[in-house]
PDB file of N, CA and C in Angstrom:
ATOM      1  N   MET A   1      -3.796   2.567  60.511  1.00  0.00           N
ATOM      2  CA  MET A   1      -2.983   2.995  59.407  1.00  0.00           C
ATOM      3  C   MET A   1      -1.733   3.678  59.933  1.00  0.00           C
ATOM      4  N   ALA A   2      -0.680   3.476  59.210  1.00  0.00           N
ATOM      5  CA  ALA A   2       0.587   4.086  59.624  1.00  0.00           C
ATOM      6  C   ALA A   2       0.577   5.569  59.302  1.00  0.00           C
ATOM      7  N   LYS A   3       1.245   6.301  60.133  1.00  0.00           N
ATOM      8  CA  LYS A   3       1.311   7.744  59.957  1.00  0.00           C
ATOM      9  C   LYS A   3       2.270   8.052  58.801  1.00  0.00           C
ATOM     10  N   LYS A   4       1.868   8.935  57.865  1.00  0.00           N
ATOM     11  CA  LYS A   4       2.723   9.288  56.734  1.00  0.00           C
ATOM     12  C   LYS A   4       3.850  10.186  57.208  1.00  0.00           C
ATOM     13  N   THR A   5       4.997   9.962  56.645  1.00  0.00           N
ATOM     14  CA  THR A   5       6.119  10.840  56.963  1.00  0.00           C
ATOM     15  C   THR A   5       6.031  12.086  56.112  1.00  0.00           C
ATOM     16  N   ARG A   6       6.764  13.081  56.524  1.00  0.00           N
ATOM     17  CA  ARG A   6       6.747  14.332  55.756  1.00  0.00           C
ATOM     18  C   ARG A   6       7.304  14.113  54.352  1.00  0.00           C
ATOM     19  N   LEU A   7       8.256  13.212  54.235  1.00  0.00           N
ATOM     20  CA  LEU A   7       8.861  12.939  52.940  1.00  0.00           C
ATOM     21  C   LEU A   7       7.848  12.306  51.987  1.00  0.00           C
ATOM     22  N   SER A   8       7.064  11.349  52.475  1.00  0.00           N
ATOM     23  CA  SER A   8       6.073  10.711  51.615  1.00  0.00           C
ATOM     24  C   SER A   8       4.964  11.689  51.244  1.00  0.00           C
ATOM     25  N   GLU A   9       4.604  12.609  52.176  1.00  0.00           N
ATOM     26  CA  GLU A   9       3.610  13.641  51.864  1.00  0.00           C
ATOM     27  C   GLU A   9       4.128  14.561  50.770  1.00  0.00           C
ATOM     28  N   ALA A  10       5.412  14.912  50.830  1.00  0.00           N
ATOM     29  CA  ALA A  10       6.007  15.769  49.807  1.00  0.00           C
ATOM     30  C   ALA A  10       6.024  15.052  48.457  1.00  0.00           C
ATOM     31  N   ALA A  11       6.336  13.770  48.490  1.00  0.00           N
ATOM     32  CA  ALA A  11       6.364  12.988  47.251  1.00  0.00           C
ATOM     33  C   ALA A  11       4.970  12.935  46.630  1.00  0.00           C
ATOM     34  N   ASP A  12       3.947  12.749  47.449  1.00  0.00           N
ATOM     35  CA  ASP A  12       2.572  12.732  46.948  1.00  0.00           C
ATOM     36  C   ASP A  12       2.197  14.080  46.338  1.00  0.00           C
ATOM     37  N   ALA A  13       2.607  15.158  46.983  1.00  0.00           N
ATOM     38  CA  ALA A  13       2.306  16.496  46.482  1.00  0.00           C
ATOM     39  C   ALA A  13       2.976  16.725  45.128  1.00  0.00           C
ATOM     40  N   VAL A  14       4.238  16.279  45.031  1.00  0.00           N
ATOM     41  CA  VAL A  14       4.965  16.434  43.750  1.00  0.00           C
ATOM     42  C   VAL A  14       4.266  15.653  42.653  1.00  0.00           C
ATOM     43  N   LYS A  15       3.833  14.427  42.976  1.00  0.00           N
ATOM     44  CA  LYS A  15       3.127  13.614  41.992  1.00  0.00           C
ATOM     45  C   LYS A  15       1.840  14.307  41.537  1.00  0.00           C
ATOM     46  N   THR A  16       1.115  14.887  42.472  1.00  0.00           N
ATOM     47  CA  THR A  16      -0.127  15.572  42.147  1.00  0.00           C
ATOM     48  C   THR A  16       0.129  16.767  41.235  1.00  0.00           C
ATOM     49  N   VAL A  17       1.135  17.556  41.577  1.00  0.00           N
ATOM     50  CA  VAL A  17       1.469  18.739  40.772  1.00  0.00           C
ATOM     51  C   VAL A  17       1.941  18.307  39.385  1.00  0.00           C
ATOM     52  N   ALA A  18       2.785  17.279  39.354  1.00  0.00           N
ATOM     53  CA  ALA A  18       3.291  16.796  38.060  1.00  0.00           C
ATOM     54  C   ALA A  18       2.151  16.262  37.196  1.00  0.00           C
ATOM     55  N   GLY A  19       1.223  15.546  37.809  1.00  0.00           N
ATOM     56  CA  GLY A  19       0.067  15.030  37.072  1.00  0.00           C
ATOM     57  C   GLY A  19      -0.776  16.153  36.509  1.00  0.00           C
ATOM     58  N   ALA A  20      -0.992  17.190  37.312  1.00  0.00           N
ATOM     59  CA  ALA A  20      -1.780  18.336  36.853  1.00  0.00           C
ATOM     60  C   ALA A  20      -1.069  19.048  35.707  1.00  0.00           C
ATOM     61  N   ALA A  21       0.266  19.187  35.824  1.00  0.00           N
ATOM     62  CA  ALA A  21       1.040  19.851  34.765  1.00  0.00           C
ATOM     63  C   ALA A  21       0.983  19.050  33.471  1.00  0.00           C
ATOM     64  N   LEU A  22       1.138  17.743  33.599  1.00  0.00           N
ATOM     65  CA  LEU A  22       1.057  16.898  32.402  1.00  0.00           C
ATOM     66  C   LEU A  22      -0.323  16.982  31.755  1.00  0.00           C
ATOM     67  N   GLY A  23      -1.349  17.006  32.587  1.00  0.00           N
ATOM     68  CA  GLY A  23      -2.704  17.114  32.056  1.00  0.00           C
ATOM     69  C   GLY A  23      -2.907  18.417  31.311  1.00  0.00           C
ATOM     70  N   ALA A  24      -2.430  19.524  31.912  1.00  0.00           N
ATOM     71  CA  ALA A  24      -2.569  20.830  31.261  1.00  0.00           C
ATOM     72  C   ALA A  24      -1.784  20.867  29.955  1.00  0.00           C
ATOM     73  N   ALA A  25      -0.577  20.280  29.954  1.00  0.00           N
ATOM     74  CA  ALA A  25       0.240  20.250  28.736  1.00  0.00           C
ATOM     75  C   ALA A  25      -0.440  19.421  27.650  1.00  0.00           C
ATOM     76  N   ALA A  26      -1.043  18.316  28.058  1.00  0.00           N
ATOM     77  CA  ALA A  26      -1.731  17.468  27.085  1.00  0.00           C
ATOM     78  C   ALA A  26      -2.909  18.200  26.465  1.00  0.00           C
ATOM     79  N   VAL A  27      -3.650  18.928  27.291  1.00  0.00           N
ATOM     80  CA  VAL A  27      -4.796  19.693  26.773  1.00  0.00           C
ATOM     81  C   VAL A  27      -4.322  20.759  25.795  1.00  0.00           C
ATOM     82  N   ALA A  28      -3.258  21.470  26.152  1.00  0.00           N
ATOM     83  CA  ALA A  28      -2.732  22.521  25.273  1.00  0.00           C
ATOM     84  C   ALA A  28      -2.192  21.913  23.974  1.00  0.00           C
ATOM     85  N   ALA A  29      -1.477  20.815  24.099  1.00  0.00           N
ATOM     86  CA  ALA A  29      -0.911  20.172  22.912  1.00  0.00           C
ATOM     87  C   ALA A  29      -2.008  19.670  21.992  1.00  0.00           C
ATOM     88  N   THR A  30      -3.081  19.164  22.581  1.00  0.00           N
ATOM     89  CA  THR A  30      -4.194  18.678  21.769  1.00  0.00           C
ATOM     90  C   THR A  30      -4.773  19.802  20.932  1.00  0.00           C
ATOM     91  N   GLY A  31      -4.929  20.966  21.528  1.00  0.00           N
ATOM     92  CA  GLY A  31      -5.448  22.116  20.779  1.00  0.00           C
ATOM     93  C   GLY A  31      -4.540  22.483  19.626  1.00  0.00           C
ATOM     94  N   VAL A  32      -3.231  22.491  19.879  1.00  0.00           N
ATOM     95  CA  VAL A  32      -2.271  22.838  18.825  1.00  0.00           C
ATOM     96  C   VAL A  32      -2.300  21.793  17.715  1.00  0.00           C
ATOM     97  N   ILE A  33      -2.328  20.519  18.107  1.00  0.00           N
ATOM     98  CA  ILE A  33      -2.338  19.439  17.113  1.00  0.00           C
ATOM     99  C   ILE A  33      -3.584  19.510  16.242  1.00  0.00           C
ATOM    100  N   VAL A  34      -4.727  19.732  16.887  1.00  0.00           N
ATOM    101  CA  VAL A  34      -5.982  19.806  16.127  1.00  0.00           C
ATOM    102  C   VAL A  34      -5.930  20.969  15.139  1.00  0.00           C
ATOM    103  N   THR A  35      -5.395  22.096  15.569  1.00  0.00           N
ATOM    104  CA  THR A  35      -5.288  23.255  14.682  1.00  0.00           C
ATOM    105  C   THR A  35      -4.376  22.951  13.495  1.00  0.00           C
ATOM    106  N   LYS A  36      -3.224  22.331  13.751  1.00  0.00           N
ATOM    107  CA  LYS A  36      -2.277  22.002  12.679  1.00  0.00           C
ATOM    108  C   LYS A  36      -2.879  20.999  11.696  1.00  0.00           C
ATOM    109  N   VAL A  37      -3.527  19.975  12.230  1.00  0.00           N
ATOM    110  CA  VAL A  37      -4.117  18.954  11.364  1.00  0.00           C
ATOM    111  C   VAL A  37      -5.224  19.552  10.503  1.00  0.00           C
ATOM    112  N   ALA A  38      -6.036  20.400  11.102  1.00  0.00           N
ATOM    113  CA  ALA A  38      -7.117  21.037  10.341  1.00  0.00           C
ATOM    114  C   ALA A  38      -6.543  21.875   9.207  1.00  0.00           C
ATOM    115  N   GLY A  39      -5.485  22.617   9.487  1.00  0.00           N
ATOM    116  CA  GLY A  39      -4.841  23.426   8.446  1.00  0.00           C
ATOM    117  C   GLY A  39      -4.263  22.561   7.342  1.00  0.00           C
ATOM    118  N   ALA A  40      -3.605  21.484   7.726  1.00  0.00           N
ATOM    119  CA  ALA A  40      -3.012  20.589   6.723  1.00  0.00           C
ATOM    120  C   ALA A  40      -4.090  19.944   5.865  1.00  0.00           C
ATOM    121  N   MET A  41      -5.200  19.554   6.505  1.00  0.00           N
ATOM    122  CA  MET A  41      -6.293  18.943   5.743  1.00  0.00           C
ATOM    123  C   MET A  41      -6.904  19.947   4.782  1.00  0.00           C
ATOM    124  N   ARG A  42      -7.018  21.174   5.215  1.00  0.00           N
ATOM    125  CA  ARG A  42      -7.583  22.208   4.353  1.00  0.00           C
ATOM    126  C   ARG A  42      -6.695  22.401   3.127  1.00  0.00           C
ATOM    127  N   LYS A  43      -5.370  22.502   3.359  1.00  0.00           N
ATOM    128  CA  LYS A  43      -4.421  22.667   2.252  1.00  0.00           C
ATOM    129  C   LYS A  43      -4.451  21.464   1.332  1.00  0.00           C
ATOM    130  N   SER A  44      -4.402  20.275   1.908  1.00  0.00           N
ATOM    131  CA  SER A  44      -4.402  19.048   1.115  1.00  0.00           C
ATOM    132  C   SER A  44      -5.694  18.906   0.337  1.00  0.00           C
ATOM    133  N   GLY A  45      -6.784  19.294   0.949  1.00  0.00           N
ATOM    134  CA  GLY A  45      -8.073  19.224   0.271  1.00  0.00           C
ATOM    135  C   GLY A  45      -8.090  20.083  -0.969  1.00  0.00           C
ATOM    136  N   GLU A  46      -7.533  21.287  -0.865  1.00  0.00           N
ATOM    137  CA  GLU A  46      -7.482  22.173  -2.028  1.00  0.00           C
ATOM    138  C   GLU A  46      -6.591  21.584  -3.111  1.00  0.00           C
ATOM    139  N   GLN A  47      -5.423  21.054  -2.718  1.00  0.00           N
ATOM    140  CA  GLN A  47      -4.507  20.457  -3.692  1.00  0.00           C
ATOM    141  C   GLN A  47      -5.153  19.235  -4.340  1.00  0.00           C
ATOM    142  N   LEU A  48      -5.845  18.451  -3.534  1.00  0.00           N
ATOM    143  CA  LEU A  48      -6.499  17.255  -4.056  1.00  0.00           C
ATOM    144  C   LEU A  48      -7.611  17.635  -5.025  1.00  0.00           C
ATOM    145  N   GLU A  49      -8.347  18.671  -4.678  1.00  0.00           N
ATOM    146  CA  GLU A  49      -9.425  19.131  -5.554  1.00  0.00           C
ATOM    147  C   GLU A  49      -8.870  19.605  -6.893  1.00  0.00           C
ATOM    148  N   ASP A  50      -7.721  20.295  -6.854  1.00  0.00           N
ATOM    149  CA  ASP A  50      -7.107  20.771  -8.094  1.00  0.00           C
ATOM    150  C   ASP A  50      -6.593  19.605  -8.934  1.00  0.00           C
ATOM    151  N   ALA A  51      -6.122  18.546  -8.279  1.00  0.00           N
ATOM    152  CA  ALA A  51      -5.526  17.420  -8.989  1.00  0.00           C
ATOM    153  C   ALA A  51      -6.538  16.350  -9.385  1.00  0.00           C
ATOM    154  N   THR A  52      -7.806  16.506  -9.025  1.00  0.00           N
ATOM    155  CA  THR A  52      -8.801  15.459  -9.257  1.00  0.00           C
ATOM    156  C   THR A  52      -8.908  15.050 -10.729  1.00  0.00           C
ATOM    157  N   PRO A  53      -9.026  15.999 -11.693  1.00  0.00           N
ATOM    158  CA  PRO A  53      -9.138  15.562 -13.090  1.00  0.00           C
ATOM    159  C   PRO A  53      -7.916  14.764 -13.553  1.00  0.00           C
ATOM    160  N   GLU A  54      -6.730  15.174 -13.138  1.00  0.00           N
ATOM    161  CA  GLU A  54      -5.516  14.461 -13.525  1.00  0.00           C
ATOM    162  C   GLU A  54      -5.495  13.060 -12.920  1.00  0.00           C
ATOM    163  N   ILE A  55      -5.910  12.960 -11.662  1.00  0.00           N
ATOM    164  CA  ILE A  55      -5.949  11.648 -10.993  1.00  0.00           C
ATOM    165  C   ILE A  55      -6.958  10.738 -11.687  1.00  0.00           C
ATOM    166  N   GLN A  56      -8.106  11.277 -12.064  1.00  0.00           N
ATOM    167  CA  GLN A  56      -9.119  10.479 -12.747  1.00  0.00           C
ATOM    168  C   GLN A  56      -8.601   9.978 -14.090  1.00  0.00           C
ATOM    169  N   ARG A  57      -7.904  10.845 -14.810  1.00  0.00           N
ATOM    170  CA  ARG A  57      -7.353  10.465 -16.109  1.00  0.00           C
ATOM    171  C   ARG A  57      -6.314   9.347 -15.931  1.00  0.00           C
ATOM    172  N   PHE A  58      -5.468   9.511 -14.939  1.00  0.00           N
ATOM    173  CA  PHE A  58      -4.434   8.516 -14.657  1.00  0.00           C
ATOM    174  C   PHE A  58      -5.067   7.172 -14.298  1.00  0.00           C
ATOM    175  N   ALA A  59      -6.109   7.210 -13.463  1.00  0.00           N
ATOM    176  CA  ALA A  59      -6.792   5.979 -13.064  1.00  0.00           C
ATOM    177  C   ALA A  59      -7.440   5.312 -14.268  1.00  0.00           C
ATOM    178  N   ALA A  60      -8.042   6.105 -15.149  1.00  0.00           N
ATOM    179  CA  ALA A  60      -8.705   5.538 -16.323  1.00  0.00           C
ATOM    180  C   ALA A  60      -7.704   4.855 -17.245  1.00  0.00           C
ATOM    181  N   THR A  61      -6.547   5.479 -17.461  1.00  0.00           N
ATOM    182  CA  THR A  61      -5.548   4.858 -18.335  1.00  0.00           C
ATOM    183  C   THR A  61      -4.984   3.603 -17.692  1.00  0.00           C
ATOM    184  N   THR A  62      -4.825   3.617 -16.382  1.00  0.00           N
ATOM    185  CA  THR A  62      -4.288   2.448 -15.689  1.00  0.00           C
ATOM    186  C   THR A  62      -5.267   1.289 -15.758  1.00  0.00           C
ATOM    187  N   VAL A  63      -6.545   1.576 -15.564  1.00  0.00           N
ATOM    188  CA  VAL A  63      -7.559   0.519 -15.570  1.00  0.00           C
ATOM    189  C   VAL A  63      -7.728  -0.059 -16.965  1.00  0.00           C
ATOM    190  N   SER A  64      -7.602   0.766 -17.992  1.00  0.00           N
ATOM    191  CA  SER A  64      -7.837   0.283 -19.346  1.00  0.00           C
ATOM    192  C   SER A  64      -6.712  -0.608 -19.852  1.00  0.00           C
ATOM    193  N   LYS A  65      -5.515  -0.517 -19.266  1.00  0.00           N
ATOM    194  CA  LYS A  65      -4.401  -1.357 -19.691  1.00  0.00           C
ATOM    195  C   LYS A  65      -4.490  -2.722 -19.018  1.00  0.00           C
ATOM    196  N   PRO A  66      -4.070  -3.781 -19.706  1.00  0.00           N
ATOM    197  CA  PRO A  66      -4.050  -5.090 -19.052  1.00  0.00           C
ATOM    198  C   PRO A  66      -2.940  -5.126 -18.007  1.00  0.00           C
ATOM    199  N   LEU A  67      -3.072  -6.041 -17.062  1.00  0.00           N
ATOM    200  CA  LEU A  67      -2.062  -6.138 -16.015  1.00  0.00           C
ATOM    201  C   LEU A  67      -0.706  -6.528 -16.589  1.00  0.00           C
ATOM    202  N   LEU A  68      -0.708  -7.531 -17.457  1.00  0.00           N
ATOM    203  CA  LEU A  68       0.528  -7.936 -18.119  1.00  0.00           C
ATOM    204  C   LEU A  68       0.302  -7.858 -19.622  1.00  0.00           C
ATOM    205  N   PRO A  69       1.176  -7.189 -20.345  1.00  0.00           N
ATOM    206  CA  PRO A  69       0.972  -7.102 -21.795  1.00  0.00           C
ATOM    207  C   PRO A  69       1.089  -8.481 -22.435  1.00  0.00           C
ATOM    208  N   ARG A  70       0.216  -8.743 -23.408  1.00  0.00           N
ATOM    209  CA  ARG A  70       0.242 -10.033 -24.094  1.00  0.00           C
ATOM    210  C   ARG A  70       1.412 -10.081 -25.052  1.00  0.00           C
ATOM    211  N   ARG A  71       1.956 -11.264 -25.218  1.00  0.00           N
ATOM    212  CA  ARG A  71       3.031 -11.443 -26.167  1.00  0.00           C
ATOM    213  C   ARG A  71       2.428 -11.440 -27.560  1.00  0.00           C
ATOM    214  N   GLN A  72       2.871 -10.562 -28.408  1.00  0.00           N
ATOM    215  CA  GLN A  72       2.299 -10.502 -29.752  1.00  0.00           C
ATOM    216  C   GLN A  72       3.206 -11.247 -30.714  1.00  0.00           C
ATOM    217  N   GLN A  73       2.594 -12.056 -31.557  1.00  0.00           N
ATOM    218  CA  GLN A  73       3.359 -12.831 -32.508  1.00  0.00           C
ATOM    219  C   GLN A  73       2.697 -12.687 -33.865  1.00  0.00           C
ATOM    220  N   ARG A  74       3.499 -12.580 -34.875  1.00  0.00           N
ATOM    221  CA  ARG A  74       2.954 -12.444 -36.229  1.00  0.00           C
ATOM    222  C   ARG A  74       2.242 -13.735 -36.619  1.00  0.00           C
ATOM    223  N   ALA A  75       1.245 -13.631 -37.478  1.00  0.00           N
ATOM    224  CA  ALA A  75       0.470 -14.797 -37.882  1.00  0.00           C
ATOM    225  C   ALA A  75       1.352 -15.820 -38.596  1.00  0.00           C
ATOM    226  N   ALA A  76       2.267 -15.342 -39.448  1.00  0.00           N
ATOM    227  CA  ALA A  76       3.143 -16.257 -40.186  1.00  0.00           C
ATOM    228  C   ALA A  76       4.031 -17.036 -39.219  1.00  0.00           C
ATOM    229  N   ALA A  77       4.543 -16.356 -38.212  1.00  0.00           N
ATOM    230  CA  ALA A  77       5.406 -17.023 -37.240  1.00  0.00           C
ATOM    231  C   ALA A  77       4.611 -18.065 -36.464  1.00  0.00           C
ATOM    232  N   THR A  78       3.356 -17.749 -36.179  1.00  0.00           N
ATOM    233  CA  THR A  78       2.505 -18.705 -35.468  1.00  0.00           C
ATOM    234  C   THR A  78       2.290 -19.953 -36.313  1.00  0.00           C
ATOM    235  N   ARG A  79       2.027 -19.759 -37.606  1.00  0.00           N
ATOM    236  CA  ARG A  79       1.811 -20.903 -38.506  1.00  0.00           C
ATOM    237  C   ARG A  79       3.062 -21.776 -38.571  1.00  0.00           C
ATOM    238  N   LYS A  80       4.216 -21.130 -38.688  1.00  0.00           N
ATOM    239  CA  LYS A  80       5.467 -21.887 -38.785  1.00  0.00           C
ATOM    240  C   LYS A  80       5.708 -22.700 -37.516  1.00  0.00           C
ATOM    241  N   SER A  81       5.492 -22.063 -36.358  1.00  0.00           N
ATOM    242  CA  SER A  81       5.744 -22.780 -35.110  1.00  0.00           C
ATOM    243  C   SER A  81       4.761 -23.929 -34.951  1.00  0.00           C
ATOM    244  N   ARG A  82       3.523 -23.737 -35.416  1.00  0.00           N
ATOM    245  CA  ARG A  82       2.529 -24.801 -35.312  1.00  0.00           C
ATOM    246  C   ARG A  82       2.938 -25.993 -36.174  1.00  0.00           C
ATOM    247  N   SER A  83       3.364 -25.697 -37.390  1.00  0.00           N
ATOM    248  CA  SER A  83       3.745 -26.794 -38.284  1.00  0.00           C
ATOM    249  C   SER A  83       5.002 -27.495 -37.767  1.00  0.00           C
ATOM    250  N   ALA A  84       5.919 -26.743 -37.169  1.00  0.00           N
ATOM    251  CA  ALA A  84       7.127 -27.348 -36.612  1.00  0.00           C
ATOM    252  C   ALA A  84       6.764 -28.273 -35.461  1.00  0.00           C
ATOM    253  N   LYS A  85       5.830 -27.847 -34.612  1.00  0.00           N
ATOM    254  CA  LYS A  85       5.405 -28.688 -33.489  1.00  0.00           C
ATOM    255  C   LYS A  85       4.764 -29.978 -34.006  1.00  0.00           C
ATOM    256  N   LYS A  86       3.945 -29.859 -35.072  1.00  0.00           N
ATOM    257  CA  LYS A  86       3.300 -31.043 -35.637  1.00  0.00           C
ATOM    258  C   LYS A  86       4.341 -32.016 -36.182  1.00  0.00           C
ATOM    259  N   ALA A  87       5.355 -31.473 -36.851  1.00  0.00           N
ATOM    260  CA  ALA A  87       6.395 -32.324 -37.430  1.00  0.00           C
ATOM    261  C   ALA A  87       7.159 -33.063 -36.337  1.00  0.00           C
ATOM    262  N   VAL A  88       7.495 -32.362 -35.269  1.00  0.00           N
ATOM    263  CA  VAL A  88       8.218 -32.985 -34.164  1.00  0.00           C
ATOM    264  C   VAL A  88       7.358 -34.076 -33.532  1.00  0.00           C
ATOM    265  N   ALA A  89       6.078 -33.782 -33.340  1.00  0.00           N
ATOM    266  CA  ALA A  89       5.173 -34.765 -32.740  1.00  0.00           C
ATOM    267  C   ALA A  89       5.054 -35.992 -33.634  1.00  0.00           C
ATOM    268  N   ALA A  90       4.996 -35.793 -34.956  1.00  0.00           N
ATOM    269  CA  ALA A  90       4.893 -36.920 -35.883  1.00  0.00           C
ATOM    270  C   ALA A  90       6.149 -37.778 -35.824  1.00  0.00           C
ATOM    271  N   ARG A  91       7.330 -37.144 -35.762  1.00  0.00           N
ATOM    272  CA  ARG A  91       8.580 -37.897 -35.675  1.00  0.00           C
ATOM    273  C   ARG A  91       8.622 -38.735 -34.391  1.00  0.00           C
ATOM    274  N   LYS A  92       8.199 -38.135 -33.273  1.00  0.00           N
ATOM    275  CA  LYS A  92       8.213 -38.847 -31.998  1.00  0.00           C
ATOM    276  C   LYS A  92       7.268 -40.047 -32.048  1.00  0.00           C
ATOM    277  N   ALA A  93       6.075 -39.862 -32.647  1.00  0.00           N
ATOM    278  CA  ALA A  93       5.101 -40.950 -32.739  1.00  0.00           C
ATOM    279  C   ALA A  93       5.652 -42.082 -33.598  1.00  0.00           C
ATOM    280  N   ALA A  94       6.285 -41.727 -34.710  1.00  0.00           N
ATOM    281  CA  ALA A  94       6.854 -42.745 -35.599  1.00  0.00           C
ATOM    282  C   ALA A  94       7.958 -43.517 -34.881  1.00  0.00           C
ATOM    283  N   LYS A  95       8.760 -42.827 -34.119  1.00  0.00           N
ATOM    284  CA  LYS A  95       9.856 -43.473 -33.384  1.00  0.00           C
ATOM    285  C   LYS A  95       9.287 -44.462 -32.367  1.00  0.00           C
ATOM    286  N   LYS A  96       8.213 -44.072 -31.677  1.00  0.00           N
ATOM    287  CA  LYS A  96       7.579 -44.952 -30.700  1.00  0.00           C
ATOM    288  C   LYS A  96       7.031 -46.200 -31.384  1.00  0.00           C
ATOM    289  N   ARG A  97       6.405 -46.006 -32.559  1.00  0.00           N
ATOM    290  CA  ARG A  97       5.836 -47.145 -33.291  1.00  0.00           C
ATOM    291  C   ARG A  97       6.926 -48.126 -33.688  1.00  0.00           C
ATOM    292  N   ARG A  98       8.054 -47.578 -34.162  1.00  0.00           N
ATOM    293  CA  ARG A  98       9.173 -48.442 -34.584  1.00  0.00           C
ATOM    294  C   ARG A  98       9.742 -49.201 -33.386  1.00  0.00           C
ATOM    295  N   ALA A  99       9.762 -48.538 -32.247  1.00  0.00           N
ATOM    296  CA  ALA A  99      10.345 -49.153 -31.042  1.00  0.00           C
ATOM    297  C   ALA A  99       9.493 -50.318 -30.553  1.00  0.00           C
ATOM    298  N   LYS A 100       8.190 -50.264 -30.760  1.00  0.00           N
ATOM    299  CA  LYS A 100       7.281 -51.333 -30.315  1.00  0.00           C
ATOM    300  C   LYS A 100       7.504 -52.611 -31.106  1.00  0.00           C
ATOM    301  N   ARG A 101       7.870 -52.508 -32.377  1.00  0.00           N
ATOM    302  CA  ARG A 101       8.011 -53.699 -33.243  1.00  0.00           C
ATOM    303  C   ARG A 101       9.143 -54.539 -32.895  1.00  0.00           C
TER     304      ARG A 101
END
């Protein structure tokens, strides 16, 4: 094996120290993150608990409504449109019959 130079030994030492520092920082940051997340979850949990009845009411009204509202038409208008369609269909049929002759 080749003999390591002093420069490469120093570089290895720096890498080791930097790795240890990063590891320690990661451990410390993890503790802080866990503490912050736990606090946020606790706060959110309380807010969610307070809002539960309102959320349930909102969900119930949303579920009870149809996805798309149906088009409402008056009965008289429906009858008129039906009779108009029949008349048009009768005219078309008569025209076809005349064309065949």
